[in-house]
Amino acid sequence: QVQLVESGGGLVQPGGSLRLSCAASGSIFSIYAMGWYRQAPGKQRELVATITTRGRTNYADSVKGRFTISRDNAKYTVYLQMNGLKPEDTAVYYCNVKGGVAIESPDYWGQGTRVTVSS
């Protein structure tokens, strides 16, 4: 019954910008954090950025200074502003929701939105 709706992906030239959005809905008891992960062709899924409902953020070293994560708790929505995009940012980006800090807390995933950085 939980649904994560992602949008904002697409094709962009190097140095360009994109803004990803993810809205959560359904039978979610609580939300501890929301974030973005990505998986490039032939690579493992990796953390991009996360943000808790209290505003604490975490970024991968590769995107610090270029990407900014934000959220609207009232709308159960998380955003990722991506500036200065590089070809190595090309990947499928997945939205993630953590229901709590405990290991046994529910963990939800979107189906992904493709980002392609190419000239």
C-alpha atoms as a PDB file:
ATOM      1  CA  GLN A   1       0.000   0.000   0.000  1.00  0.00           C
ATOM      2  CA  VAL A   2       3.059   2.285   0.147  1.00  0.00           C
ATOM      3  CA  GLN A   3       3.854   4.225  -3.002  1.00  0.00           C
ATOM      4  CA  LEU A   4       6.821   6.457  -3.856  1.00  0.00           C
ATOM      5  CA  VAL A   5       6.330   8.611  -6.961  1.00  0.00           C
ATOM      6  CA  GLU A   6       9.550   9.918  -8.511  1.00  0.00           C
ATOM      7  CA  SER A   7       9.970  12.554 -11.211  1.00  0.00           C
ATOM      8  CA  GLY A   8      12.515  14.938 -12.724  1.00  0.00           C
ATOM      9  CA  GLY A   9      14.954  12.643 -14.487  1.00  0.00           C
ATOM     10  CA  GLY A  10      16.012  13.055 -18.085  1.00  0.00           C
ATOM     11  CA  LEU A  11      18.822  13.849 -20.497  1.00  0.00           C
ATOM     12  CA  VAL A  12      21.058  16.825 -19.741  1.00  0.00           C
ATOM     13  CA  GLN A  13      24.388  18.144 -21.038  1.00  0.00           C
ATOM     14  CA  PRO A  14      27.490  18.213 -18.820  1.00  0.00           C
ATOM     15  CA  GLY A  15      27.350  21.219 -16.503  1.00  0.00           C
ATOM     16  CA  GLY A  16      23.563  21.286 -16.569  1.00  0.00           C
ATOM     17  CA  SER A  17      21.041  20.942 -13.751  1.00  0.00           C
ATOM     18  CA  LEU A  18      18.097  18.740 -12.816  1.00  0.00           C
ATOM     19  CA  ARG A  19      15.719  18.641  -9.854  1.00  0.00           C
ATOM     20  CA  LEU A  20      14.369  15.279  -8.704  1.00  0.00           C
ATOM     21  CA  SER A  21      11.208  14.932  -6.621  1.00  0.00           C
ATOM     22  CA  CYS A  22       9.754  12.018  -4.665  1.00  0.00           C
ATOM     23  CA  ALA A  23       6.394  11.986  -2.891  1.00  0.00           C
ATOM     24  CA  ALA A  24       5.427   9.209  -0.482  1.00  0.00           C
ATOM     25  CA  SER A  25       1.868   8.053   0.148  1.00  0.00           C
ATOM     26  CA  GLY A  26      -0.014   5.075   1.573  1.00  0.00           C
ATOM     27  CA  SER A  27       0.179   3.067   4.788  1.00  0.00           C
ATOM     28  CA  ILE A  28       3.292   4.629   6.328  1.00  0.00           C
ATOM     29  CA  PHE A  29       3.208   4.752  10.130  1.00  0.00           C
ATOM     30  CA  SER A  30       6.083   7.209  10.448  1.00  0.00           C
ATOM     31  CA  ILE A  31       9.067   8.583   8.546  1.00  0.00           C
ATOM     32  CA  TYR A  32      12.534   8.910  10.058  1.00  0.00           C
ATOM     33  CA  ALA A  33      14.455   9.852   6.909  1.00  0.00           C
ATOM     34  CA  MET A  34      14.152  10.181   3.153  1.00  0.00           C
ATOM     35  CA  GLY A  35      16.895  10.083   0.580  1.00  0.00           C
ATOM     36  CA  TRP A  36      18.296   9.258  -2.813  1.00  0.00           C
ATOM     37  CA  TYR A  37      20.459   6.384  -4.017  1.00  0.00           C
ATOM     38  CA  ARG A  38      21.729   5.687  -7.513  1.00  0.00           C
ATOM     39  CA  GLN A  39      22.920   2.769  -9.599  1.00  0.00           C
ATOM     40  CA  ALA A  40      25.119   3.333 -12.641  1.00  0.00           C
ATOM     41  CA  PRO A  41      25.467   0.740 -15.416  1.00  0.00           C
ATOM     42  CA  GLY A  42      27.578  -2.168 -14.171  1.00  0.00           C
ATOM     43  CA  LYS A  43      27.934  -0.650 -10.686  1.00  0.00           C
ATOM     44  CA  GLN A  44      26.509  -1.266  -7.213  1.00  0.00           C
ATOM     45  CA  ARG A  45      23.781   0.946  -5.789  1.00  0.00           C
ATOM     46  CA  GLU A  46      25.268   3.779  -3.747  1.00  0.00           C
ATOM     47  CA  LEU A  47      24.130   6.496  -1.371  1.00  0.00           C
ATOM     48  CA  VAL A  48      23.719   9.966  -2.869  1.00  0.00           C
ATOM     49  CA  ALA A  49      22.115  11.981  -0.061  1.00  0.00           C
ATOM     50  CA  THR A  50      19.749  11.563   2.889  1.00  0.00           C
ATOM     51  CA  ILE A  51      17.827  13.906   5.164  1.00  0.00           C
ATOM     52  CA  THR A  52      15.981  13.206   8.408  1.00  0.00           C
ATOM     53  CA  THR A  53      12.673  14.796   9.333  1.00  0.00           C
ATOM     54  CA  ARG A  54      14.645  16.911  11.820  1.00  0.00           C
ATOM     55  CA  GLY A  55      16.869  18.282   9.038  1.00  0.00           C
ATOM     56  CA  ARG A  56      20.135  16.367   9.434  1.00  0.00           C
ATOM     57  CA  THR A  57      21.750  15.708   6.037  1.00  0.00           C
ATOM     58  CA  ASN A  58      24.359  13.328   4.687  1.00  0.00           C
ATOM     59  CA  TYR A  59      26.028  13.443   1.251  1.00  0.00           C
ATOM     60  CA  ALA A  60      28.313  11.212  -0.739  1.00  0.00           C
ATOM     61  CA  ASP A  61      31.741  12.809  -1.190  1.00  0.00           C
ATOM     62  CA  SER A  62      31.315  12.709  -4.971  1.00  0.00           C
ATOM     63  CA  VAL A  63      28.309  15.072  -4.907  1.00  0.00           C
ATOM     64  CA  LYS A  64      29.196  17.474  -2.083  1.00  0.00           C
ATOM     65  CA  GLY A  65      29.055  21.076  -3.262  1.00  0.00           C
ATOM     66  CA  ARG A  66      26.987  20.168  -6.326  1.00  0.00           C
ATOM     67  CA  PHE A  67      23.825  18.456  -5.008  1.00  0.00           C
ATOM     68  CA  THR A  68      21.405  19.705  -2.362  1.00  0.00           C
ATOM     69  CA  ILE A  69      18.754  17.578  -0.647  1.00  0.00           C
ATOM     70  CA  SER A  70      15.650  19.105   0.931  1.00  0.00           C
ATOM     71  CA  ARG A  71      12.271  17.967   2.175  1.00  0.00           C
ATOM     72  CA  ASP A  72       8.714  19.041   2.911  1.00  0.00           C
ATOM     73  CA  ASN A  73       7.607  16.931   5.871  1.00  0.00           C
ATOM     74  CA  ALA A  74       3.980  18.037   5.603  1.00  0.00           C
ATOM     75  CA  LYS A  75       3.834  16.784   2.010  1.00  0.00           C
ATOM     76  CA  TYR A  76       5.961  13.656   2.622  1.00  0.00           C
ATOM     77  CA  THR A  77       8.205  14.809  -0.221  1.00  0.00           C
ATOM     78  CA  VAL A  78      11.965  14.882  -0.752  1.00  0.00           C
ATOM     79  CA  TYR A  79      13.878  16.795  -3.438  1.00  0.00           C
ATOM     80  CA  LEU A  80      17.349  16.586  -4.929  1.00  0.00           C
ATOM     81  CA  GLN A  81      18.722  19.667  -6.698  1.00  0.00           C
ATOM     82  CA  MET A  82      21.601  18.579  -8.938  1.00  0.00           C
ATOM     83  CA  ASN A  83      23.931  21.240 -10.353  1.00  0.00           C
ATOM     84  CA  GLY A  84      27.153  20.952 -12.309  1.00  0.00           C
ATOM     85  CA  LEU A  85      26.214  17.502 -13.581  1.00  0.00           C
ATOM     86  CA  LYS A  86      28.978  15.244 -14.875  1.00  0.00           C
ATOM     87  CA  PRO A  87      28.864  12.188 -17.156  1.00  0.00           C
ATOM     88  CA  GLU A  88      29.732  10.027 -14.132  1.00  0.00           C
ATOM     89  CA  ASP A  89      26.435  11.105 -12.535  1.00  0.00           C
ATOM     90  CA  THR A  90      24.603   9.061 -15.162  1.00  0.00           C
ATOM     91  CA  ALA A  91      22.521   6.458 -13.304  1.00  0.00           C
ATOM     92  CA  VAL A  92      19.063   5.391 -12.257  1.00  0.00           C
ATOM     93  CA  TYR A  93      18.176   7.382  -9.138  1.00  0.00           C
ATOM     94  CA  TYR A  94      16.009   5.696  -6.486  1.00  0.00           C
ATOM     95  CA  CYS A  95      13.984   7.374  -3.769  1.00  0.00           C
ATOM     96  CA  ASN A  96      14.141   5.788  -0.296  1.00  0.00           C
ATOM     97  CA  VAL A  97      12.061   6.190   2.861  1.00  0.00           C
ATOM     98  CA  LYS A  98      13.080   4.896   6.311  1.00  0.00           C
ATOM     99  CA  GLY A  99      10.211   4.416   8.762  1.00  0.00           C
ATOM    100  CA  GLY A 100      12.453   4.548  11.826  1.00  0.00           C
ATOM    101  CA  VAL A 101      16.016   4.373  13.117  1.00  0.00           C
ATOM    102  CA  ALA A 102      15.743   0.724  14.220  1.00  0.00           C
ATOM    103  CA  ILE A 103      17.010  -2.051  11.959  1.00  0.00           C
ATOM    104  CA  GLU A 104      13.567  -3.673  11.877  1.00  0.00           C
ATOM    105  CA  SER A 105      11.857  -0.448  10.777  1.00  0.00           C
ATOM    106  CA  PRO A 106      10.185  -0.594   7.357  1.00  0.00           C
ATOM    107  CA  ASP A 107      12.209   0.511   4.339  1.00  0.00           C
ATOM    108  CA  TYR A 108      10.530   1.640   1.108  1.00  0.00           C
ATOM    109  CA  TRP A 109      11.860   2.201  -2.413  1.00  0.00           C
ATOM    110  CA  GLY A 110      10.660   3.878  -5.577  1.00  0.00           C
ATOM    111  CA  GLN A 111      11.044   2.350  -9.025  1.00  0.00           C
ATOM    112  CA  GLY A 112      13.706   4.831 -10.094  1.00  0.00           C
ATOM    113  CA  THR A 113      14.105   7.735 -12.493  1.00  0.00           C
ATOM    114  CA  ARG A 114      16.845   7.815 -15.133  1.00  0.00           C
ATOM    115  CA  VAL A 115      19.418  10.608 -15.291  1.00  0.00           C
ATOM    116  CA  THR A 116      21.681  10.728 -18.342  1.00  0.00           C
ATOM    117  CA  VAL A 117      24.468  13.309 -18.597  1.00  0.00           C
ATOM    118  CA  SER A 118      25.884  13.415 -22.115  1.00  0.00           C
ATOM    119  CA  SER A 119      26.758  15.821 -24.911  1.00  0.00           C
END
